[in-house]
Amino acid sequence: TFFFVPCIFIYLRPSATFPLDKAVS
């Protein structure tokens, strides 16, 4: 869950980036 949920959050969306992305990754 720690691995998949952040991956889904980052990659299952258009090429928009958020400040939170670096911490989530």
PDBML (XML) file of the C-alpha atoms, coordinates in Angstrom:
<?xml version="1.0" encoding="UTF-8" ?>
<PDBx:datablock datablockName="MODEL"
   xmlns:PDBx="http://pdbml.pdb.org/schema/pdbx-v50.xsd"
   xmlns:xsi="http://www.w3.org/2001/XMLSchema-instance"
   xsi:schemaLocation="http://pdbml.pdb.org/schema/pdbx-v50.xsd pdbx-v50.xsd">
   <PDBx:atom_siteCategory>
      <PDBx:atom_site id="1">
         <PDBx:B_iso_or_equiv>0.00</PDBx:B_iso_or_equiv>
         <PDBx:Cartn_x>0.000</PDBx:Cartn_x>
         <PDBx:Cartn_y>0.000</PDBx:Cartn_y>
         <PDBx:Cartn_z>0.000</PDBx:Cartn_z>
         <PDBx:auth_asym_id>A</PDBx:auth_asym_id>
         <PDBx:auth_atom_id>CA</PDBx:auth_atom_id>
         <PDBx:auth_comp_id>THR</PDBx:auth_comp_id>
         <PDBx:auth_seq_id>1</PDBx:auth_seq_id>
         <PDBx:group_PDB>ATOM</PDBx:group_PDB>
         <PDBx:label_alt_id xsi:nil="true" />
         <PDBx:label_asym_id>A</PDBx:label_asym_id>
         <PDBx:label_atom_id>CA</PDBx:label_atom_id>
         <PDBx:label_comp_id>THR</PDBx:label_comp_id>
         <PDBx:label_entity_id>1</PDBx:label_entity_id>
         <PDBx:label_seq_id>1</PDBx:label_seq_id>
         <PDBx:occupancy>1.00</PDBx:occupancy>
         <PDBx:pdbx_PDB_model_num>1</PDBx:pdbx_PDB_model_num>
         <PDBx:type_symbol>C</PDBx:type_symbol>
      </PDBx:atom_site>
      <PDBx:atom_site id="2">
         <PDBx:B_iso_or_equiv>0.00</PDBx:B_iso_or_equiv>
         <PDBx:Cartn_x>2.877</PDBx:Cartn_x>
         <PDBx:Cartn_y>2.355</PDBx:Cartn_y>
         <PDBx:Cartn_z>0.827</PDBx:Cartn_z>
         <PDBx:auth_asym_id>A</PDBx:auth_asym_id>
         <PDBx:auth_atom_id>CA</PDBx:auth_atom_id>
         <PDBx:auth_comp_id>PHE</PDBx:auth_comp_id>
         <PDBx:auth_seq_id>2</PDBx:auth_seq_id>
         <PDBx:group_PDB>ATOM</PDBx:group_PDB>
         <PDBx:label_alt_id xsi:nil="true" />
         <PDBx:label_asym_id>A</PDBx:label_asym_id>
         <PDBx:label_atom_id>CA</PDBx:label_atom_id>
         <PDBx:label_comp_id>PHE</PDBx:label_comp_id>
         <PDBx:label_entity_id>1</PDBx:label_entity_id>
         <PDBx:label_seq_id>2</PDBx:label_seq_id>
         <PDBx:occupancy>1.00</PDBx:occupancy>
         <PDBx:pdbx_PDB_model_num>1</PDBx:pdbx_PDB_model_num>
         <PDBx:type_symbol>C</PDBx:type_symbol>
      </PDBx:atom_site>
      <PDBx:atom_site id="3">
         <PDBx:B_iso_or_equiv>0.00</PDBx:B_iso_or_equiv>
         <PDBx:Cartn_x>4.240</PDBx:Cartn_x>
         <PDBx:Cartn_y>1.628</PDBx:Cartn_y>
         <PDBx:Cartn_z>-2.649</PDBx:Cartn_z>
         <PDBx:auth_asym_id>A</PDBx:auth_asym_id>
         <PDBx:auth_atom_id>CA</PDBx:auth_atom_id>
         <PDBx:auth_comp_id>PHE</PDBx:auth_comp_id>
         <PDBx:auth_seq_id>3</PDBx:auth_seq_id>
         <PDBx:group_PDB>ATOM</PDBx:group_PDB>
         <PDBx:label_alt_id xsi:nil="true" />
         <PDBx:label_asym_id>A</PDBx:label_asym_id>
         <PDBx:label_atom_id>CA</PDBx:label_atom_id>
         <PDBx:label_comp_id>PHE</PDBx:label_comp_id>
         <PDBx:label_entity_id>1</PDBx:label_entity_id>
         <PDBx:label_seq_id>3</PDBx:label_seq_id>
         <PDBx:occupancy>1.00</PDBx:occupancy>
         <PDBx:pdbx_PDB_model_num>1</PDBx:pdbx_PDB_model_num>
         <PDBx:type_symbol>C</PDBx:type_symbol>
      </PDBx:atom_site>
      <PDBx:atom_site id="4">
         <PDBx:B_iso_or_equiv>0.00</PDBx:B_iso_or_equiv>
         <PDBx:Cartn_x>1.167</PDBx:Cartn_x>
         <PDBx:Cartn_y>1.455</PDBx:Cartn_y>
         <PDBx:Cartn_z>-4.882</PDBx:Cartn_z>
         <PDBx:auth_asym_id>A</PDBx:auth_asym_id>
         <PDBx:auth_atom_id>CA</PDBx:auth_atom_id>
         <PDBx:auth_comp_id>PHE</PDBx:auth_comp_id>
         <PDBx:auth_seq_id>4</PDBx:auth_seq_id>
         <PDBx:group_PDB>ATOM</PDBx:group_PDB>
         <PDBx:label_alt_id xsi:nil="true" />
         <PDBx:label_asym_id>A</PDBx:label_asym_id>
         <PDBx:label_atom_id>CA</PDBx:label_atom_id>
         <PDBx:label_comp_id>PHE</PDBx:label_comp_id>
         <PDBx:label_entity_id>1</PDBx:label_entity_id>
         <PDBx:label_seq_id>4</PDBx:label_seq_id>
         <PDBx:occupancy>1.00</PDBx:occupancy>
         <PDBx:pdbx_PDB_model_num>1</PDBx:pdbx_PDB_model_num>
         <PDBx:type_symbol>C</PDBx:type_symbol>
      </PDBx:atom_site>
      <PDBx:atom_site id="5">
         <PDBx:B_iso_or_equiv>0.00</PDBx:B_iso_or_equiv>
         <PDBx:Cartn_x>-1.030</PDBx:Cartn_x>
         <PDBx:Cartn_y>4.283</PDBx:Cartn_y>
         <PDBx:Cartn_z>-3.556</PDBx:Cartn_z>
         <PDBx:auth_asym_id>A</PDBx:auth_asym_id>
         <PDBx:auth_atom_id>CA</PDBx:auth_atom_id>
         <PDBx:auth_comp_id>VAL</PDBx:auth_comp_id>
         <PDBx:auth_seq_id>5</PDBx:auth_seq_id>
         <PDBx:group_PDB>ATOM</PDBx:group_PDB>
         <PDBx:label_alt_id xsi:nil="true" />
         <PDBx:label_asym_id>A</PDBx:label_asym_id>
         <PDBx:label_atom_id>CA</PDBx:label_atom_id>
         <PDBx:label_comp_id>VAL</PDBx:label_comp_id>
         <PDBx:label_entity_id>1</PDBx:label_entity_id>
         <PDBx:label_seq_id>5</PDBx:label_seq_id>
         <PDBx:occupancy>1.00</PDBx:occupancy>
         <PDBx:pdbx_PDB_model_num>1</PDBx:pdbx_PDB_model_num>
         <PDBx:type_symbol>C</PDBx:type_symbol>
      </PDBx:atom_site>
      <PDBx:atom_site id="6">
         <PDBx:B_iso_or_equiv>0.00</PDBx:B_iso_or_equiv>
         <PDBx:Cartn_x>1.632</PDBx:Cartn_x>
         <PDBx:Cartn_y>7.012</PDBx:Cartn_y>
         <PDBx:Cartn_z>-4.088</PDBx:Cartn_z>
         <PDBx:auth_asym_id>A</PDBx:auth_asym_id>
         <PDBx:auth_atom_id>CA</PDBx:auth_atom_id>
         <PDBx:auth_comp_id>PRO</PDBx:auth_comp_id>
         <PDBx:auth_seq_id>6</PDBx:auth_seq_id>
         <PDBx:group_PDB>ATOM</PDBx:group_PDB>
         <PDBx:label_alt_id xsi:nil="true" />
         <PDBx:label_asym_id>A</PDBx:label_asym_id>
         <PDBx:label_atom_id>CA</PDBx:label_atom_id>
         <PDBx:label_comp_id>PRO</PDBx:label_comp_id>
         <PDBx:label_entity_id>1</PDBx:label_entity_id>
         <PDBx:label_seq_id>6</PDBx:label_seq_id>
         <PDBx:occupancy>1.00</PDBx:occupancy>
         <PDBx:pdbx_PDB_model_num>1</PDBx:pdbx_PDB_model_num>
         <PDBx:type_symbol>C</PDBx:type_symbol>
      </PDBx:atom_site>
      <PDBx:atom_site id="7">
         <PDBx:B_iso_or_equiv>0.00</PDBx:B_iso_or_equiv>
         <PDBx:Cartn_x>2.408</PDBx:Cartn_x>
         <PDBx:Cartn_y>5.558</PDBx:Cartn_y>
         <PDBx:Cartn_z>-7.543</PDBx:Cartn_z>
         <PDBx:auth_asym_id>A</PDBx:auth_asym_id>
         <PDBx:auth_atom_id>CA</PDBx:auth_atom_id>
         <PDBx:auth_comp_id>CYS</PDBx:auth_comp_id>
         <PDBx:auth_seq_id>7</PDBx:auth_seq_id>
         <PDBx:group_PDB>ATOM</PDBx:group_PDB>
         <PDBx:label_alt_id xsi:nil="true" />
         <PDBx:label_asym_id>A</PDBx:label_asym_id>
         <PDBx:label_atom_id>CA</PDBx:label_atom_id>
         <PDBx:label_comp_id>CYS</PDBx:label_comp_id>
         <PDBx:label_entity_id>1</PDBx:label_entity_id>
         <PDBx:label_seq_id>7</PDBx:label_seq_id>
         <PDBx:occupancy>1.00</PDBx:occupancy>
         <PDBx:pdbx_PDB_model_num>1</PDBx:pdbx_PDB_model_num>
         <PDBx:type_symbol>C</PDBx:type_symbol>
      </PDBx:atom_site>
      <PDBx:atom_site id="8">
         <PDBx:B_iso_or_equiv>0.00</PDBx:B_iso_or_equiv>
         <PDBx:Cartn_x>-1.269</PDBx:Cartn_x>
         <PDBx:Cartn_y>5.732</PDBx:Cartn_y>
         <PDBx:Cartn_z>-8.498</PDBx:Cartn_z>
         <PDBx:auth_asym_id>A</PDBx:auth_asym_id>
         <PDBx:auth_atom_id>CA</PDBx:auth_atom_id>
         <PDBx:auth_comp_id>ILE</PDBx:auth_comp_id>
         <PDBx:auth_seq_id>8</PDBx:auth_seq_id>
         <PDBx:group_PDB>ATOM</PDBx:group_PDB>
         <PDBx:label_alt_id xsi:nil="true" />
         <PDBx:label_asym_id>A</PDBx:label_asym_id>
         <PDBx:label_atom_id>CA</PDBx:label_atom_id>
         <PDBx:label_comp_id>ILE</PDBx:label_comp_id>
         <PDBx:label_entity_id>1</PDBx:label_entity_id>
         <PDBx:label_seq_id>8</PDBx:label_seq_id>
         <PDBx:occupancy>1.00</PDBx:occupancy>
         <PDBx:pdbx_PDB_model_num>1</PDBx:pdbx_PDB_model_num>
         <PDBx:type_symbol>C</PDBx:type_symbol>
      </PDBx:atom_site>
      <PDBx:atom_site id="9">
         <PDBx:B_iso_or_equiv>0.00</PDBx:B_iso_or_equiv>
         <PDBx:Cartn_x>-1.474</PDBx:Cartn_x>
         <PDBx:Cartn_y>9.310</PDBx:Cartn_y>
         <PDBx:Cartn_z>-7.144</PDBx:Cartn_z>
         <PDBx:auth_asym_id>A</PDBx:auth_asym_id>
         <PDBx:auth_atom_id>CA</PDBx:auth_atom_id>
         <PDBx:auth_comp_id>PHE</PDBx:auth_comp_id>
         <PDBx:auth_seq_id>9</PDBx:auth_seq_id>
         <PDBx:group_PDB>ATOM</PDBx:group_PDB>
         <PDBx:label_alt_id xsi:nil="true" />
         <PDBx:label_asym_id>A</PDBx:label_asym_id>
         <PDBx:label_atom_id>CA</PDBx:label_atom_id>
         <PDBx:label_comp_id>PHE</PDBx:label_comp_id>
         <PDBx:label_entity_id>1</PDBx:label_entity_id>
         <PDBx:label_seq_id>9</PDBx:label_seq_id>
         <PDBx:occupancy>1.00</PDBx:occupancy>
         <PDBx:pdbx_PDB_model_num>1</PDBx:pdbx_PDB_model_num>
         <PDBx:type_symbol>C</PDBx:type_symbol>
      </PDBx:atom_site>
      <PDBx:atom_site id="10">
         <PDBx:B_iso_or_equiv>0.00</PDBx:B_iso_or_equiv>
         <PDBx:Cartn_x>1.518</PDBx:Cartn_x>
         <PDBx:Cartn_y>10.433</PDBx:Cartn_y>
         <PDBx:Cartn_z>-9.216</PDBx:Cartn_z>
         <PDBx:auth_asym_id>A</PDBx:auth_asym_id>
         <PDBx:auth_atom_id>CA</PDBx:auth_atom_id>
         <PDBx:auth_comp_id>ILE</PDBx:auth_comp_id>
         <PDBx:auth_seq_id>10</PDBx:auth_seq_id>
         <PDBx:group_PDB>ATOM</PDBx:group_PDB>
         <PDBx:label_alt_id xsi:nil="true" />
         <PDBx:label_asym_id>A</PDBx:label_asym_id>
         <PDBx:label_atom_id>CA</PDBx:label_atom_id>
         <PDBx:label_comp_id>ILE</PDBx:label_comp_id>
         <PDBx:label_entity_id>1</PDBx:label_entity_id>
         <PDBx:label_seq_id>10</PDBx:label_seq_id>
         <PDBx:occupancy>1.00</PDBx:occupancy>
         <PDBx:pdbx_PDB_model_num>1</PDBx:pdbx_PDB_model_num>
         <PDBx:type_symbol>C</PDBx:type_symbol>
      </PDBx:atom_site>
      <PDBx:atom_site id="11">
         <PDBx:B_iso_or_equiv>0.00</PDBx:B_iso_or_equiv>
         <PDBx:Cartn_x>0.996</PDBx:Cartn_x>
         <PDBx:Cartn_y>8.597</PDBx:Cartn_y>
         <PDBx:Cartn_z>-12.506</PDBx:Cartn_z>
         <PDBx:auth_asym_id>A</PDBx:auth_asym_id>
         <PDBx:auth_atom_id>CA</PDBx:auth_atom_id>
         <PDBx:auth_comp_id>TYR</PDBx:auth_comp_id>
         <PDBx:auth_seq_id>11</PDBx:auth_seq_id>
         <PDBx:group_PDB>ATOM</PDBx:group_PDB>
         <PDBx:label_alt_id xsi:nil="true" />
         <PDBx:label_asym_id>A</PDBx:label_asym_id>
         <PDBx:label_atom_id>CA</PDBx:label_atom_id>
         <PDBx:label_comp_id>TYR</PDBx:label_comp_id>
         <PDBx:label_entity_id>1</PDBx:label_entity_id>
         <PDBx:label_seq_id>11</PDBx:label_seq_id>
         <PDBx:occupancy>1.00</PDBx:occupancy>
         <PDBx:pdbx_PDB_model_num>1</PDBx:pdbx_PDB_model_num>
         <PDBx:type_symbol>C</PDBx:type_symbol>
      </PDBx:atom_site>
      <PDBx:atom_site id="12">
         <PDBx:B_iso_or_equiv>0.00</PDBx:B_iso_or_equiv>
         <PDBx:Cartn_x>-2.748</PDBx:Cartn_x>
         <PDBx:Cartn_y>8.101</PDBx:Cartn_y>
         <PDBx:Cartn_z>-12.934</PDBx:Cartn_z>
         <PDBx:auth_asym_id>A</PDBx:auth_asym_id>
         <PDBx:auth_atom_id>CA</PDBx:auth_atom_id>
         <PDBx:auth_comp_id>LEU</PDBx:auth_comp_id>
         <PDBx:auth_seq_id>12</PDBx:auth_seq_id>
         <PDBx:group_PDB>ATOM</PDBx:group_PDB>
         <PDBx:label_alt_id xsi:nil="true" />
         <PDBx:label_asym_id>A</PDBx:label_asym_id>
         <PDBx:label_atom_id>CA</PDBx:label_atom_id>
         <PDBx:label_comp_id>LEU</PDBx:label_comp_id>
         <PDBx:label_entity_id>1</PDBx:label_entity_id>
         <PDBx:label_seq_id>12</PDBx:label_seq_id>
         <PDBx:occupancy>1.00</PDBx:occupancy>
         <PDBx:pdbx_PDB_model_num>1</PDBx:pdbx_PDB_model_num>
         <PDBx:type_symbol>C</PDBx:type_symbol>
      </PDBx:atom_site>
      <PDBx:atom_site id="13">
         <PDBx:B_iso_or_equiv>0.00</PDBx:B_iso_or_equiv>
         <PDBx:Cartn_x>-3.371</PDBx:Cartn_x>
         <PDBx:Cartn_y>11.710</PDBx:Cartn_y>
         <PDBx:Cartn_z>-13.908</PDBx:Cartn_z>
         <PDBx:auth_asym_id>A</PDBx:auth_asym_id>
         <PDBx:auth_atom_id>CA</PDBx:auth_atom_id>
         <PDBx:auth_comp_id>ARG</PDBx:auth_comp_id>
         <PDBx:auth_seq_id>13</PDBx:auth_seq_id>
         <PDBx:group_PDB>ATOM</PDBx:group_PDB>
         <PDBx:label_alt_id xsi:nil="true" />
         <PDBx:label_asym_id>A</PDBx:label_asym_id>
         <PDBx:label_atom_id>CA</PDBx:label_atom_id>
         <PDBx:label_comp_id>ARG</PDBx:label_comp_id>
         <PDBx:label_entity_id>1</PDBx:label_entity_id>
         <PDBx:label_seq_id>13</PDBx:label_seq_id>
         <PDBx:occupancy>1.00</PDBx:occupancy>
         <PDBx:pdbx_PDB_model_num>1</PDBx:pdbx_PDB_model_num>
         <PDBx:type_symbol>C</PDBx:type_symbol>
      </PDBx:atom_site>
      <PDBx:atom_site id="14">
         <PDBx:B_iso_or_equiv>0.00</PDBx:B_iso_or_equiv>
         <PDBx:Cartn_x>-2.414</PDBx:Cartn_x>
         <PDBx:Cartn_y>14.190</PDBx:Cartn_y>
         <PDBx:Cartn_z>-16.659</PDBx:Cartn_z>
         <PDBx:auth_asym_id>A</PDBx:auth_asym_id>
         <PDBx:auth_atom_id>CA</PDBx:auth_atom_id>
         <PDBx:auth_comp_id>PRO</PDBx:auth_comp_id>
         <PDBx:auth_seq_id>14</PDBx:auth_seq_id>
         <PDBx:group_PDB>ATOM</PDBx:group_PDB>
         <PDBx:label_alt_id xsi:nil="true" />
         <PDBx:label_asym_id>A</PDBx:label_asym_id>
         <PDBx:label_atom_id>CA</PDBx:label_atom_id>
         <PDBx:label_comp_id>PRO</PDBx:label_comp_id>
         <PDBx:label_entity_id>1</PDBx:label_entity_id>
         <PDBx:label_seq_id>14</PDBx:label_seq_id>
         <PDBx:occupancy>1.00</PDBx:occupancy>
         <PDBx:pdbx_PDB_model_num>1</PDBx:pdbx_PDB_model_num>
         <PDBx:type_symbol>C</PDBx:type_symbol>
      </PDBx:atom_site>
      <PDBx:atom_site id="15">
         <PDBx:B_iso_or_equiv>0.00</PDBx:B_iso_or_equiv>
         <PDBx:Cartn_x>0.966</PDBx:Cartn_x>
         <PDBx:Cartn_y>15.891</PDBx:Cartn_y>
         <PDBx:Cartn_z>-16.635</PDBx:Cartn_z>
         <PDBx:auth_asym_id>A</PDBx:auth_asym_id>
         <PDBx:auth_atom_id>CA</PDBx:auth_atom_id>
         <PDBx:auth_comp_id>SER</PDBx:auth_comp_id>
         <PDBx:auth_seq_id>15</PDBx:auth_seq_id>
         <PDBx:group_PDB>ATOM</PDBx:group_PDB>
         <PDBx:label_alt_id xsi:nil="true" />
         <PDBx:label_asym_id>A</PDBx:label_asym_id>
         <PDBx:label_atom_id>CA</PDBx:label_atom_id>
         <PDBx:label_comp_id>SER</PDBx:label_comp_id>
         <PDBx:label_entity_id>1</PDBx:label_entity_id>
         <PDBx:label_seq_id>15</PDBx:label_seq_id>
         <PDBx:occupancy>1.00</PDBx:occupancy>
         <PDBx:pdbx_PDB_model_num>1</PDBx:pdbx_PDB_model_num>
         <PDBx:type_symbol>C</PDBx:type_symbol>
      </PDBx:atom_site>
      <PDBx:atom_site id="16">
         <PDBx:B_iso_or_equiv>0.00</PDBx:B_iso_or_equiv>
         <PDBx:Cartn_x>0.117</PDBx:Cartn_x>
         <PDBx:Cartn_y>18.270</PDBx:Cartn_y>
         <PDBx:Cartn_z>-13.808</PDBx:Cartn_z>
         <PDBx:auth_asym_id>A</PDBx:auth_asym_id>
         <PDBx:auth_atom_id>CA</PDBx:auth_atom_id>
         <PDBx:auth_comp_id>ALA</PDBx:auth_comp_id>
         <PDBx:auth_seq_id>16</PDBx:auth_seq_id>
         <PDBx:group_PDB>ATOM</PDBx:group_PDB>
         <PDBx:label_alt_id xsi:nil="true" />
         <PDBx:label_asym_id>A</PDBx:label_asym_id>
         <PDBx:label_atom_id>CA</PDBx:label_atom_id>
         <PDBx:label_comp_id>ALA</PDBx:label_comp_id>
         <PDBx:label_entity_id>1</PDBx:label_entity_id>
         <PDBx:label_seq_id>16</PDBx:label_seq_id>
         <PDBx:occupancy>1.00</PDBx:occupancy>
         <PDBx:pdbx_PDB_model_num>1</PDBx:pdbx_PDB_model_num>
         <PDBx:type_symbol>C</PDBx:type_symbol>
      </PDBx:atom_site>
      <PDBx:atom_site id="17">
         <PDBx:B_iso_or_equiv>0.00</PDBx:B_iso_or_equiv>
         <PDBx:Cartn_x>2.650</PDBx:Cartn_x>
         <PDBx:Cartn_y>18.544</PDBx:Cartn_y>
         <PDBx:Cartn_z>-10.998</PDBx:Cartn_z>
         <PDBx:auth_asym_id>A</PDBx:auth_asym_id>
         <PDBx:auth_atom_id>CA</PDBx:auth_atom_id>
         <PDBx:auth_comp_id>THR</PDBx:auth_comp_id>
         <PDBx:auth_seq_id>17</PDBx:auth_seq_id>
         <PDBx:group_PDB>ATOM</PDBx:group_PDB>
         <PDBx:label_alt_id xsi:nil="true" />
         <PDBx:label_asym_id>A</PDBx:label_asym_id>
         <PDBx:label_atom_id>CA</PDBx:label_atom_id>
         <PDBx:label_comp_id>THR</PDBx:label_comp_id>
         <PDBx:label_entity_id>1</PDBx:label_entity_id>
         <PDBx:label_seq_id>17</PDBx:label_seq_id>
         <PDBx:occupancy>1.00</PDBx:occupancy>
         <PDBx:pdbx_PDB_model_num>1</PDBx:pdbx_PDB_model_num>
         <PDBx:type_symbol>C</PDBx:type_symbol>
      </PDBx:atom_site>
      <PDBx:atom_site id="18">
         <PDBx:B_iso_or_equiv>0.00</PDBx:B_iso_or_equiv>
         <PDBx:Cartn_x>1.961</PDBx:Cartn_x>
         <PDBx:Cartn_y>19.590</PDBx:Cartn_y>
         <PDBx:Cartn_z>-7.425</PDBx:Cartn_z>
         <PDBx:auth_asym_id>A</PDBx:auth_asym_id>
         <PDBx:auth_atom_id>CA</PDBx:auth_atom_id>
         <PDBx:auth_comp_id>PHE</PDBx:auth_comp_id>
         <PDBx:auth_seq_id>18</PDBx:auth_seq_id>
         <PDBx:group_PDB>ATOM</PDBx:group_PDB>
         <PDBx:label_alt_id xsi:nil="true" />
         <PDBx:label_asym_id>A</PDBx:label_asym_id>
         <PDBx:label_atom_id>CA</PDBx:label_atom_id>
         <PDBx:label_comp_id>PHE</PDBx:label_comp_id>
         <PDBx:label_entity_id>1</PDBx:label_entity_id>
         <PDBx:label_seq_id>18</PDBx:label_seq_id>
         <PDBx:occupancy>1.00</PDBx:occupancy>
         <PDBx:pdbx_PDB_model_num>1</PDBx:pdbx_PDB_model_num>
         <PDBx:type_symbol>C</PDBx:type_symbol>
      </PDBx:atom_site>
      <PDBx:atom_site id="19">
         <PDBx:B_iso_or_equiv>0.00</PDBx:B_iso_or_equiv>
         <PDBx:Cartn_x>4.304</PDBx:Cartn_x>
         <PDBx:Cartn_y>20.717</PDBx:Cartn_y>
         <PDBx:Cartn_z>-4.624</PDBx:Cartn_z>
         <PDBx:auth_asym_id>A</PDBx:auth_asym_id>
         <PDBx:auth_atom_id>CA</PDBx:auth_atom_id>
         <PDBx:auth_comp_id>PRO</PDBx:auth_comp_id>
         <PDBx:auth_seq_id>19</PDBx:auth_seq_id>
         <PDBx:group_PDB>ATOM</PDBx:group_PDB>
         <PDBx:label_alt_id xsi:nil="true" />
         <PDBx:label_asym_id>A</PDBx:label_asym_id>
         <PDBx:label_atom_id>CA</PDBx:label_atom_id>
         <PDBx:label_comp_id>PRO</PDBx:label_comp_id>
         <PDBx:label_entity_id>1</PDBx:label_entity_id>
         <PDBx:label_seq_id>19</PDBx:label_seq_id>
         <PDBx:occupancy>1.00</PDBx:occupancy>
         <PDBx:pdbx_PDB_model_num>1</PDBx:pdbx_PDB_model_num>
         <PDBx:type_symbol>C</PDBx:type_symbol>
      </PDBx:atom_site>
      <PDBx:atom_site id="20">
         <PDBx:B_iso_or_equiv>0.00</PDBx:B_iso_or_equiv>
         <PDBx:Cartn_x>3.309</PDBx:Cartn_x>
         <PDBx:Cartn_y>17.556</PDBx:Cartn_y>
         <PDBx:Cartn_z>-2.754</PDBx:Cartn_z>
         <PDBx:auth_asym_id>A</PDBx:auth_asym_id>
         <PDBx:auth_atom_id>CA</PDBx:auth_atom_id>
         <PDBx:auth_comp_id>LEU</PDBx:auth_comp_id>
         <PDBx:auth_seq_id>20</PDBx:auth_seq_id>
         <PDBx:group_PDB>ATOM</PDBx:group_PDB>
         <PDBx:label_alt_id xsi:nil="true" />
         <PDBx:label_asym_id>A</PDBx:label_asym_id>
         <PDBx:label_atom_id>CA</PDBx:label_atom_id>
         <PDBx:label_comp_id>LEU</PDBx:label_comp_id>
         <PDBx:label_entity_id>1</PDBx:label_entity_id>
         <PDBx:label_seq_id>20</PDBx:label_seq_id>
         <PDBx:occupancy>1.00</PDBx:occupancy>
         <PDBx:pdbx_PDB_model_num>1</PDBx:pdbx_PDB_model_num>
         <PDBx:type_symbol>C</PDBx:type_symbol>
      </PDBx:atom_site>
      <PDBx:atom_site id="21">
         <PDBx:B_iso_or_equiv>0.00</PDBx:B_iso_or_equiv>
         <PDBx:Cartn_x>4.644</PDBx:Cartn_x>
         <PDBx:Cartn_y>15.274</PDBx:Cartn_y>
         <PDBx:Cartn_z>-5.499</PDBx:Cartn_z>
         <PDBx:auth_asym_id>A</PDBx:auth_asym_id>
         <PDBx:auth_atom_id>CA</PDBx:auth_atom_id>
         <PDBx:auth_comp_id>ASP</PDBx:auth_comp_id>
         <PDBx:auth_seq_id>21</PDBx:auth_seq_id>
         <PDBx:group_PDB>ATOM</PDBx:group_PDB>
         <PDBx:label_alt_id xsi:nil="true" />
         <PDBx:label_asym_id>A</PDBx:label_asym_id>
         <PDBx:label_atom_id>CA</PDBx:label_atom_id>
         <PDBx:label_comp_id>ASP</PDBx:label_comp_id>
         <PDBx:label_entity_id>1</PDBx:label_entity_id>
         <PDBx:label_seq_id>21</PDBx:label_seq_id>
         <PDBx:occupancy>1.00</PDBx:occupancy>
         <PDBx:pdbx_PDB_model_num>1</PDBx:pdbx_PDB_model_num>
         <PDBx:type_symbol>C</PDBx:type_symbol>
      </PDBx:atom_site>
      <PDBx:atom_site id="22">
         <PDBx:B_iso_or_equiv>0.00</PDBx:B_iso_or_equiv>
         <PDBx:Cartn_x>8.248</PDBx:Cartn_x>
         <PDBx:Cartn_y>15.281</PDBx:Cartn_y>
         <PDBx:Cartn_z>-4.304</PDBx:Cartn_z>
         <PDBx:auth_asym_id>A</PDBx:auth_asym_id>
         <PDBx:auth_atom_id>CA</PDBx:auth_atom_id>
         <PDBx:auth_comp_id>LYS</PDBx:auth_comp_id>
         <PDBx:auth_seq_id>22</PDBx:auth_seq_id>
         <PDBx:group_PDB>ATOM</PDBx:group_PDB>
         <PDBx:label_alt_id xsi:nil="true" />
         <PDBx:label_asym_id>A</PDBx:label_asym_id>
         <PDBx:label_atom_id>CA</PDBx:label_atom_id>
         <PDBx:label_comp_id>LYS</PDBx:label_comp_id>
         <PDBx:label_entity_id>1</PDBx:label_entity_id>
         <PDBx:label_seq_id>22</PDBx:label_seq_id>
         <PDBx:occupancy>1.00</PDBx:occupancy>
         <PDBx:pdbx_PDB_model_num>1</PDBx:pdbx_PDB_model_num>
         <PDBx:type_symbol>C</PDBx:type_symbol>
      </PDBx:atom_site>
      <PDBx:atom_site id="23">
         <PDBx:B_iso_or_equiv>0.00</PDBx:B_iso_or_equiv>
         <PDBx:Cartn_x>7.286</PDBx:Cartn_x>
         <PDBx:Cartn_y>14.261</PDBx:Cartn_y>
         <PDBx:Cartn_z>-0.782</PDBx:Cartn_z>
         <PDBx:auth_asym_id>A</PDBx:auth_asym_id>
         <PDBx:auth_atom_id>CA</PDBx:auth_atom_id>
         <PDBx:auth_comp_id>ALA</PDBx:auth_comp_id>
         <PDBx:auth_seq_id>23</PDBx:auth_seq_id>
         <PDBx:group_PDB>ATOM</PDBx:group_PDB>
         <PDBx:label_alt_id xsi:nil="true" />
         <PDBx:label_asym_id>A</PDBx:label_asym_id>
         <PDBx:label_atom_id>CA</PDBx:label_atom_id>
         <PDBx:label_comp_id>ALA</PDBx:label_comp_id>
         <PDBx:label_entity_id>1</PDBx:label_entity_id>
         <PDBx:label_seq_id>23</PDBx:label_seq_id>
         <PDBx:occupancy>1.00</PDBx:occupancy>
         <PDBx:pdbx_PDB_model_num>1</PDBx:pdbx_PDB_model_num>
         <PDBx:type_symbol>C</PDBx:type_symbol>
      </PDBx:atom_site>
      <PDBx:atom_site id="24">
         <PDBx:B_iso_or_equiv>0.00</PDBx:B_iso_or_equiv>
         <PDBx:Cartn_x>4.828</PDBx:Cartn_x>
         <PDBx:Cartn_y>11.622</PDBx:Cartn_y>
         <PDBx:Cartn_z>-2.055</PDBx:Cartn_z>
         <PDBx:auth_asym_id>A</PDBx:auth_asym_id>
         <PDBx:auth_atom_id>CA</PDBx:auth_atom_id>
         <PDBx:auth_comp_id>VAL</PDBx:auth_comp_id>
         <PDBx:auth_seq_id>24</PDBx:auth_seq_id>
         <PDBx:group_PDB>ATOM</PDBx:group_PDB>
         <PDBx:label_alt_id xsi:nil="true" />
         <PDBx:label_asym_id>A</PDBx:label_asym_id>
         <PDBx:label_atom_id>CA</PDBx:label_atom_id>
         <PDBx:label_comp_id>VAL</PDBx:label_comp_id>
         <PDBx:label_entity_id>1</PDBx:label_entity_id>
         <PDBx:label_seq_id>24</PDBx:label_seq_id>
         <PDBx:occupancy>1.00</PDBx:occupancy>
         <PDBx:pdbx_PDB_model_num>1</PDBx:pdbx_PDB_model_num>
         <PDBx:type_symbol>C</PDBx:type_symbol>
      </PDBx:atom_site>
      <PDBx:atom_site id="25">
         <PDBx:B_iso_or_equiv>0.00</PDBx:B_iso_or_equiv>
         <PDBx:Cartn_x>7.486</PDBx:Cartn_x>
         <PDBx:Cartn_y>10.091</PDBx:Cartn_y>
         <PDBx:Cartn_z>-4.311</PDBx:Cartn_z>
         <PDBx:auth_asym_id>A</PDBx:auth_asym_id>
         <PDBx:auth_atom_id>CA</PDBx:auth_atom_id>
         <PDBx:auth_comp_id>SER</PDBx:auth_comp_id>
         <PDBx:auth_seq_id>25</PDBx:auth_seq_id>
         <PDBx:group_PDB>ATOM</PDBx:group_PDB>
         <PDBx:label_alt_id xsi:nil="true" />
         <PDBx:label_asym_id>A</PDBx:label_asym_id>
         <PDBx:label_atom_id>CA</PDBx:label_atom_id>
         <PDBx:label_comp_id>SER</PDBx:label_comp_id>
         <PDBx:label_entity_id>1</PDBx:label_entity_id>
         <PDBx:label_seq_id>25</PDBx:label_seq_id>
         <PDBx:occupancy>1.00</PDBx:occupancy>
         <PDBx:pdbx_PDB_model_num>1</PDBx:pdbx_PDB_model_num>
         <PDBx:type_symbol>C</PDBx:type_symbol>
      </PDBx:atom_site>
   </PDBx:atom_siteCategory>
</PDBx:datablock>
